Amino acid sequence: MTVHRRTLHRSQRPGPPGTPEAAVPRRRRALAALARRLCSDQGDVPGWVLITLMTAGIVIALWAVASEQIVQIFQNALAPFLDGSI
């Protein structure tokens, strides 16, 4: 079905939905659409680059502001394991 200018139209099909003649063209269209999508080299690379850069920026900003506290937290977390006999 398609909607065009406030009027509802049904698309013409070659046969009832259960017949093999009607299923083959739909299957071919679906496979062709899947092949086009898989072969497409478009992706969300700029989005991933932006996320990576923003994450690195947040880590650098936090490290610049609270480096001593971060090192102290890390040392406190590892102290029970490093002081005992290994």
Protein backbone atom coordinates (compact mmCIF):
# COMPACT_ATOMS: atom_id res chain seq x y z
CA MET A 1 0.00 0.00 0.00
CA THR A 2 1.11 3.51 -0.72
CA VAL A 3 -0.27 6.81 0.46
CA HIS A 4 -0.41 9.55 -2.13
CA ARG A 5 -2.07 12.92 -1.59
CA ARG A 6 -4.34 11.81 1.24
CA THR A 7 -5.66 8.89 -0.82
CA LEU A 8 -4.91 5.27 -0.01
CA HIS A 9 -3.94 3.08 -2.98
CA ARG A 10 -3.16 -0.61 -2.95
CA SER A 11 -0.23 -1.76 -5.03
CA GLN A 12 -0.99 -4.37 -7.69
CA ARG A 13 0.42 -7.82 -6.99
CA PRO A 14 0.79 -10.64 -9.51
CA GLY A 15 -1.07 -13.14 -7.32
CA PRO A 16 -2.09 -14.03 -3.79
CA PRO A 17 0.68 -13.70 -1.21
CA GLY A 18 1.06 -17.48 -0.83
CA THR A 19 1.74 -18.31 -4.47
CA PRO A 20 5.31 -18.99 -5.62
CA GLU A 21 4.94 -16.59 -8.58
CA ALA A 22 4.29 -13.70 -6.20
CA ALA A 23 7.01 -14.73 -3.76
CA VAL A 24 9.87 -14.90 -6.27
CA PRO A 25 9.91 -11.20 -7.27
CA ARG A 26 9.62 -10.13 -3.63
CA ARG A 27 12.45 -12.47 -2.68
CA ARG A 28 14.61 -11.13 -5.52
CA ARG A 29 13.93 -7.54 -4.47
CA ALA A 30 14.77 -8.36 -0.86
CA LEU A 31 18.02 -10.11 -1.86
CA ALA A 32 18.96 -7.23 -4.17
CA ALA A 33 18.32 -4.71 -1.39
CA LEU A 34 20.39 -6.79 1.03
CA ALA A 35 23.25 -7.07 -1.50
CA ARG A 36 23.19 -3.30 -2.10
CA ARG A 37 23.29 -2.65 1.63
CA LEU A 38 26.15 -5.09 2.24
CA CYS A 39 28.21 -3.82 -0.71
CA SER A 40 27.72 -0.17 0.20
CA ASP A 41 30.87 1.48 1.50
CA GLN A 42 28.96 4.12 3.34
CA GLY A 43 29.22 3.83 7.07
CA ASP A 44 29.19 5.82 10.22
CA VAL A 45 32.96 6.37 10.33
CA PRO A 46 32.71 10.09 11.15
CA GLY A 47 30.45 9.25 14.08
CA TRP A 48 32.88 6.68 15.46
CA VAL A 49 35.81 9.04 15.00
CA LEU A 50 33.91 11.74 16.86
CA ILE A 51 33.06 9.37 19.72
CA THR A 52 36.67 8.22 19.98
CA LEU A 53 38.03 11.76 19.99
CA MET A 54 35.47 12.92 22.54
CA THR A 55 36.30 9.98 24.82
CA ALA A 56 40.02 10.72 24.56
CA GLY A 57 39.33 14.39 25.29
CA ILE A 58 37.32 13.52 28.40
CA VAL A 59 40.09 11.21 29.66
CA ILE A 60 42.75 13.86 29.07
CA ALA A 61 40.66 16.55 30.78
CA LEU A 62 39.97 14.34 33.80
CA TRP A 63 43.61 13.30 34.02
CA ALA A 64 44.75 16.93 33.89
CA VAL A 65 42.36 17.96 36.66
CA ALA A 66 42.54 14.97 39.00
CA SER A 67 45.72 13.05 38.20
CA GLU A 68 46.90 12.81 41.81
CA GLN A 69 43.52 11.56 43.01
CA ILE A 70 43.28 9.01 40.20
CA VAL A 71 46.76 7.65 40.98
CA GLN A 72 45.89 7.47 44.69
CA ILE A 73 42.63 5.60 43.99
CA PHE A 74 44.51 3.14 41.78
CA GLN A 75 47.22 2.58 44.41
CA ASN A 76 44.61 2.09 47.14
CA ALA A 77 42.78 -0.44 44.98
CA LEU A 78 45.95 -2.47 44.33
CA ALA A 79 47.47 -2.16 47.82
CA PRO A 80 45.83 -5.32 49.25
CA PHE A 81 47.18 -7.41 46.38
CA LEU A 82 50.69 -5.93 46.28
CA ASP A 83 51.38 -5.98 50.02
CA GLY A 84 50.59 -9.67 50.47
CA SER A 85 52.77 -12.58 49.40
CA ILE A 86 52.38 -13.32 45.74
